[in-house]
Amino acid sequence: MSSVNITFLEDEVWAVESPVDVVEGESVTFACTYWDTPSSPSAKAYRRNLTVTTTVFPTNSPTASGSVVTLSPATGLVGGGRYVIAVTATVDSDTRVRKIMLKCAKDEAEQ
């Protein structure tokens, strides 16, 4: 399993590191750093504008510690597509949604 560090900025919807390249079959954990202390995190996954949260996050229980939200491992990623991970948390007493774009390559694909 790999871990990817993500940075969310107060005035930007998309993560600084987006898009993130992944390969189908991988299990990836995202550690999302906020500009302040987040609480009550949740995550949803979308592919082709359809919700695929239960496939991508079979154990969907993000945790917050300090300024970092750690998502459950993303699995079940299908190559040849793009995913949007929407991370919601309360920051500065406001509900904030930030996004991560994943580009998922097929395992047999060439560069």
N, C-alpha and C. Protein backbone atom coordinates (compact mmCIF):
# COMPACT_ATOMS: atom_id res chain seq x y z
N MET A 1 0.85 -1.17 0.00
CA MET A 1 0.00 0.00 0.00
C MET A 1 0.89 1.23 0.00
N SER A 2 0.52 2.20 -0.81
CA SER A 2 1.29 3.44 -0.84
C SER A 2 0.53 4.55 -0.13
N SER A 3 1.27 5.56 0.29
CA SER A 3 0.69 6.70 0.96
C SER A 3 1.05 7.95 0.17
N VAL A 4 0.08 8.83 -0.02
CA VAL A 4 0.29 10.05 -0.78
C VAL A 4 -0.08 11.24 0.10
N ASN A 5 0.84 12.19 0.20
CA ASN A 5 0.58 13.41 0.97
C ASN A 5 -0.10 14.43 0.06
N ILE A 6 -1.19 14.99 0.56
CA ILE A 6 -2.00 15.95 -0.18
C ILE A 6 -2.07 17.24 0.62
N THR A 7 -2.09 18.38 -0.08
CA THR A 7 -2.19 19.67 0.57
C THR A 7 -3.46 20.38 0.10
N PHE A 8 -4.30 20.75 1.05
CA PHE A 8 -5.49 21.56 0.76
C PHE A 8 -5.23 22.98 1.22
N LEU A 9 -5.53 23.94 0.34
CA LEU A 9 -5.39 25.36 0.67
C LEU A 9 -6.76 25.95 0.96
N GLU A 10 -6.79 26.99 1.76
CA GLU A 10 -8.05 27.61 2.16
C GLU A 10 -8.83 28.16 0.97
N ASP A 11 -8.14 28.74 0.00
CA ASP A 11 -8.82 29.41 -1.10
C ASP A 11 -8.82 28.62 -2.41
N GLU A 12 -8.52 27.33 -2.37
CA GLU A 12 -8.52 26.48 -3.57
C GLU A 12 -9.36 25.23 -3.31
N VAL A 13 -10.19 24.86 -4.27
CA VAL A 13 -11.02 23.66 -4.15
C VAL A 13 -10.19 22.40 -4.38
N TRP A 14 -9.33 22.42 -5.39
CA TRP A 14 -8.54 21.24 -5.76
C TRP A 14 -7.24 21.17 -4.98
N ALA A 15 -6.85 19.97 -4.62
CA ALA A 15 -5.58 19.75 -3.93
C ALA A 15 -4.42 20.25 -4.77
N VAL A 16 -3.41 20.76 -4.11
CA VAL A 16 -2.23 21.27 -4.80
C VAL A 16 -1.63 20.19 -5.71
N GLU A 17 -1.63 18.94 -5.28
CA GLU A 17 -0.99 17.84 -6.01
C GLU A 17 -1.86 17.24 -7.11
N SER A 18 -3.09 17.69 -7.28
CA SER A 18 -3.99 17.13 -8.30
C SER A 18 -3.53 17.50 -9.70
N PRO A 19 -3.65 16.56 -10.64
CA PRO A 19 -4.12 15.19 -10.48
C PRO A 19 -3.01 14.27 -9.96
N VAL A 20 -3.44 13.20 -9.29
CA VAL A 20 -2.53 12.19 -8.75
C VAL A 20 -2.62 10.96 -9.65
N ASP A 21 -1.46 10.48 -10.13
CA ASP A 21 -1.42 9.29 -10.97
C ASP A 21 -1.39 8.04 -10.10
N VAL A 22 -2.31 7.10 -10.37
CA VAL A 22 -2.36 5.82 -9.69
C VAL A 22 -2.52 4.73 -10.74
N VAL A 23 -2.31 3.48 -10.32
CA VAL A 23 -2.45 2.34 -11.23
C VAL A 23 -3.52 1.42 -10.66
N GLU A 24 -4.37 0.88 -11.55
CA GLU A 24 -5.42 -0.01 -11.08
C GLU A 24 -4.83 -1.15 -10.26
N GLY A 25 -5.56 -1.57 -9.25
CA GLY A 25 -5.08 -2.63 -8.38
C GLY A 25 -4.30 -2.13 -7.19
N GLU A 26 -3.87 -0.87 -7.22
CA GLU A 26 -3.15 -0.30 -6.08
C GLU A 26 -4.10 -0.02 -4.92
N SER A 27 -3.53 0.04 -3.75
CA SER A 27 -4.24 0.51 -2.57
C SER A 27 -3.50 1.76 -2.11
N VAL A 28 -4.20 2.89 -2.08
CA VAL A 28 -3.56 4.17 -1.80
C VAL A 28 -4.24 4.85 -0.61
N THR A 29 -3.43 5.33 0.32
CA THR A 29 -3.95 6.09 1.45
C THR A 29 -3.52 7.54 1.28
N PHE A 30 -4.47 8.46 1.46
CA PHE A 30 -4.19 9.88 1.31
C PHE A 30 -4.15 10.55 2.68
N ALA A 31 -3.06 11.27 2.94
CA ALA A 31 -2.91 12.08 4.15
C ALA A 31 -3.07 13.53 3.71
N CYS A 32 -4.20 14.15 4.07
CA CYS A 32 -4.57 15.47 3.58
C CYS A 32 -4.29 16.53 4.64
N THR A 33 -3.36 17.44 4.34
CA THR A 33 -3.00 18.50 5.28
C THR A 33 -3.80 19.76 4.99
N TYR A 34 -4.44 20.29 6.01
CA TYR A 34 -5.26 21.50 5.92
C TYR A 34 -4.51 22.71 6.46
N TRP A 35 -5.04 23.89 6.20
CA TRP A 35 -4.46 25.14 6.65
C TRP A 35 -4.76 25.40 8.14
N ASP A 36 -5.70 24.66 8.71
CA ASP A 36 -6.05 24.79 10.12
C ASP A 36 -6.48 23.40 10.59
N THR A 37 -7.12 23.30 11.73
CA THR A 37 -7.47 22.00 12.32
C THR A 37 -8.83 21.53 11.83
N PRO A 38 -8.89 20.44 11.06
CA PRO A 38 -10.17 19.91 10.57
C PRO A 38 -10.80 18.96 11.59
N SER A 39 -12.11 18.83 11.53
CA SER A 39 -12.83 17.85 12.36
C SER A 39 -13.97 17.25 11.54
N SER A 40 -14.52 16.17 12.02
CA SER A 40 -15.65 15.48 11.37
C SER A 40 -15.42 15.21 9.89
N PRO A 41 -14.30 14.56 9.52
CA PRO A 41 -14.03 14.33 8.11
C PRO A 41 -14.91 13.22 7.51
N SER A 42 -15.16 13.35 6.22
CA SER A 42 -15.84 12.30 5.46
C SER A 42 -15.29 12.35 4.04
N ALA A 43 -15.49 11.25 3.30
CA ALA A 43 -14.97 11.19 1.93
C ALA A 43 -15.98 10.49 1.02
N LYS A 44 -16.06 10.98 -0.22
CA LYS A 44 -16.88 10.36 -1.25
C LYS A 44 -16.02 10.22 -2.50
N ALA A 45 -16.30 9.20 -3.29
CA ALA A 45 -15.57 8.98 -4.54
C ALA A 45 -16.56 8.96 -5.70
N TYR A 46 -16.13 9.58 -6.81
CA TYR A 46 -16.96 9.66 -8.01
C TYR A 46 -16.15 9.22 -9.23
N ARG A 47 -16.81 8.55 -10.14
CA ARG A 47 -16.22 8.20 -11.44
C ARG A 47 -17.31 8.39 -12.48
N ARG A 48 -17.01 9.16 -13.51
CA ARG A 48 -17.98 9.48 -14.56
C ARG A 48 -19.27 10.03 -13.96
N ASN A 49 -19.12 10.91 -12.98
CA ASN A 49 -20.23 11.58 -12.31
C ASN A 49 -21.16 10.64 -11.54
N LEU A 50 -20.72 9.42 -11.29
CA LEU A 50 -21.48 8.47 -10.49
C LEU A 50 -20.76 8.22 -9.17
N THR A 51 -21.51 8.05 -8.11
CA THR A 51 -20.92 7.75 -6.81
C THR A 51 -20.41 6.32 -6.78
N VAL A 52 -19.12 6.16 -6.46
CA VAL A 52 -18.49 4.83 -6.34
C VAL A 52 -17.79 4.70 -4.99
N THR A 53 -18.31 5.40 -4.01
CA THR A 53 -17.68 5.45 -2.69
C THR A 53 -17.51 4.07 -2.07
N THR A 54 -18.54 3.23 -2.11
CA THR A 54 -18.45 1.93 -1.45
C THR A 54 -17.45 1.01 -2.14
N THR A 55 -17.19 1.21 -3.42
CA THR A 55 -16.19 0.42 -4.14
C THR A 55 -14.78 0.92 -3.84
N VAL A 56 -14.59 2.22 -3.86
CA VAL A 56 -13.27 2.82 -3.67
C VAL A 56 -12.86 2.82 -2.20
N PHE A 57 -13.81 3.09 -1.32
CA PHE A 57 -13.54 3.12 0.12
C PHE A 57 -14.41 2.09 0.84
N PRO A 58 -14.10 0.78 0.71
CA PRO A 58 -14.93 -0.22 1.38
C PRO A 58 -15.01 -0.02 2.89
N THR A 59 -13.92 0.46 3.47
CA THR A 59 -13.92 0.84 4.89
C THR A 59 -13.75 2.35 4.90
N ASN A 60 -14.86 3.07 4.94
CA ASN A 60 -14.81 4.53 4.80
C ASN A 60 -14.88 5.17 6.18
N SER A 61 -13.70 5.33 6.80
CA SER A 61 -13.66 5.95 8.13
C SER A 61 -12.44 6.87 8.26
N PRO A 62 -12.50 8.05 7.59
CA PRO A 62 -11.38 8.99 7.69
C PRO A 62 -11.20 9.47 9.13
N THR A 63 -9.95 9.81 9.45
CA THR A 63 -9.64 10.29 10.80
C THR A 63 -8.92 11.64 10.72
N ALA A 64 -9.11 12.45 11.76
CA ALA A 64 -8.44 13.75 11.84
C ALA A 64 -7.52 13.75 13.04
N SER A 65 -6.30 14.27 12.83
CA SER A 65 -5.33 14.44 13.90
C SER A 65 -4.51 15.68 13.61
N GLY A 66 -4.61 16.67 14.47
CA GLY A 66 -3.91 17.93 14.19
C GLY A 66 -4.48 18.57 12.94
N SER A 67 -3.62 18.88 11.99
CA SER A 67 -4.09 19.51 10.74
C SER A 67 -4.22 18.50 9.60
N VAL A 68 -4.16 17.19 9.92
CA VAL A 68 -4.17 16.16 8.88
C VAL A 68 -5.40 15.26 8.98
N VAL A 69 -6.04 15.06 7.82
CA VAL A 69 -7.10 14.06 7.69
C VAL A 69 -6.52 12.91 6.90
N THR A 70 -6.59 11.71 7.46
CA THR A 70 -6.12 10.51 6.77
C THR A 70 -7.34 9.73 6.30
N LEU A 71 -7.40 9.50 4.99
CA LEU A 71 -8.52 8.76 4.42
C LEU A 71 -8.27 7.27 4.54
N SER A 72 -9.33 6.49 4.53
CA SER A 72 -9.21 5.04 4.47
C SER A 72 -8.55 4.69 3.14
N PRO A 73 -7.92 3.51 3.04
CA PRO A 73 -7.27 3.13 1.78
C PRO A 73 -8.26 3.12 0.62
N ALA A 74 -7.85 3.73 -0.48
CA ALA A 74 -8.63 3.70 -1.73
C ALA A 74 -8.25 2.43 -2.48
N THR A 75 -9.23 1.61 -2.77
CA THR A 75 -9.00 0.34 -3.47
C THR A 75 -10.04 0.21 -4.58
N GLY A 76 -9.98 -0.87 -5.32
CA GLY A 76 -10.99 -1.12 -6.35
C GLY A 76 -10.97 -0.11 -7.48
N LEU A 77 -9.83 0.54 -7.68
CA LEU A 77 -9.71 1.53 -8.75
C LEU A 77 -9.60 0.83 -10.10
N VAL A 78 -10.36 1.31 -11.07
CA VAL A 78 -10.40 0.72 -12.41
C VAL A 78 -9.57 1.57 -13.35
N GLY A 79 -8.67 0.94 -14.09
CA GLY A 79 -7.79 1.66 -14.99
C GLY A 79 -8.53 2.27 -16.17
N GLY A 80 -7.94 3.31 -16.71
CA GLY A 80 -8.50 3.99 -17.87
C GLY A 80 -9.51 5.05 -17.52
N GLY A 81 -9.58 5.42 -16.28
CA GLY A 81 -10.56 6.42 -15.87
C GLY A 81 -10.01 7.44 -14.92
N ARG A 82 -10.83 8.41 -14.65
CA ARG A 82 -10.50 9.45 -13.68
C ARG A 82 -11.49 9.36 -12.53
N TYR A 83 -11.01 9.65 -11.36
CA TYR A 83 -11.83 9.66 -10.17
C TYR A 83 -11.72 11.02 -9.51
N VAL A 84 -12.79 11.44 -8.85
CA VAL A 84 -12.76 12.63 -8.01
C VAL A 84 -13.06 12.16 -6.59
N ILE A 85 -12.15 12.50 -5.68
CA ILE A 85 -12.35 12.22 -4.27
C ILE A 85 -12.72 13.55 -3.62
N ALA A 86 -13.92 13.61 -3.04
CA ALA A 86 -14.39 14.81 -2.35
C ALA A 86 -14.24 14.57 -0.86
N VAL A 87 -13.43 15.41 -0.21
CA VAL A 87 -13.18 15.30 1.22
C VAL A 87 -13.87 16.47 1.91
N THR A 88 -14.76 16.14 2.83
CA THR A 88 -15.50 17.17 3.57
C THR A 88 -15.02 17.16 5.02
N ALA A 89 -14.81 18.35 5.56
CA ALA A 89 -14.41 18.49 6.97
C ALA A 89 -14.85 19.86 7.47
N THR A 90 -15.00 19.98 8.76
CA THR A 90 -15.28 21.27 9.38
C THR A 90 -13.95 21.93 9.71
N VAL A 91 -13.73 23.13 9.15
CA VAL A 91 -12.50 23.88 9.38
C VAL A 91 -12.90 25.32 9.64
N ASP A 92 -12.36 25.91 10.69
CA ASP A 92 -12.70 27.30 11.04
C ASP A 92 -14.21 27.47 11.21
N SER A 93 -14.88 26.48 11.78
CA SER A 93 -16.33 26.48 12.03
C SER A 93 -17.18 26.44 10.76
N ASP A 94 -16.56 26.18 9.60
CA ASP A 94 -17.29 26.08 8.34
C ASP A 94 -17.10 24.69 7.74
N THR A 95 -18.11 24.20 7.07
CA THR A 95 -17.98 22.94 6.33
C THR A 95 -17.26 23.23 5.03
N ARG A 96 -16.15 22.54 4.81
CA ARG A 96 -15.33 22.75 3.61
C ARG A 96 -15.23 21.46 2.83
N VAL A 97 -15.41 21.54 1.51
CA VAL A 97 -15.23 20.39 0.62
C VAL A 97 -14.02 20.68 -0.26
N ARG A 98 -13.07 19.77 -0.26
CA ARG A 98 -11.89 19.88 -1.10
C ARG A 98 -11.80 18.62 -1.95
N LYS A 99 -11.18 18.73 -3.12
CA LYS A 99 -11.18 17.63 -4.08
C LYS A 99 -9.78 17.18 -4.47
N ILE A 100 -9.70 15.88 -4.77
CA ILE A 100 -8.48 15.28 -5.30
C ILE A 100 -8.86 14.58 -6.60
N MET A 101 -8.15 14.88 -7.69
CA MET A 101 -8.37 14.19 -8.96
C MET A 101 -7.38 13.05 -9.06
N LEU A 102 -7.88 11.84 -9.36
CA LEU A 102 -7.03 10.68 -9.59
C LEU A 102 -7.10 10.29 -11.06
N LYS A 103 -5.95 10.09 -11.66
CA LYS A 103 -5.87 9.53 -13.01
C LYS A 103 -5.39 8.10 -12.84
N CYS A 104 -6.25 7.14 -13.20
CA CYS A 104 -5.96 5.74 -12.94
C CYS A 104 -5.59 5.02 -14.25
N ALA A 105 -4.34 4.58 -14.33
CA ALA A 105 -3.85 3.88 -15.52
C ALA A 105 -4.12 2.39 -15.39
N LYS A 106 -4.32 1.74 -16.52
CA LYS A 106 -4.43 0.28 -16.52
C LYS A 106 -3.05 -0.29 -16.23
N ASP A 107 -3.02 -1.42 -15.55
CA ASP A 107 -1.71 -1.98 -15.16
C ASP A 107 -0.88 -2.40 -16.35
N GLU A 108 -1.52 -2.73 -17.48
CA GLU A 108 -0.74 -3.14 -18.65
C GLU A 108 -0.43 -1.98 -19.60
N ALA A 109 -0.93 -0.78 -19.27
CA ALA A 109 -0.75 0.37 -20.16
C ALA A 109 0.73 0.81 -20.22
N GLU A 110 1.12 1.26 -21.39
CA GLU A 110 2.47 1.82 -21.56
C GLU A 110 2.39 3.32 -21.43
N GLN A 111 3.53 3.93 -21.22
CA GLN A 111 3.56 5.38 -21.03
C GLN A 111 3.26 6.09 -22.32
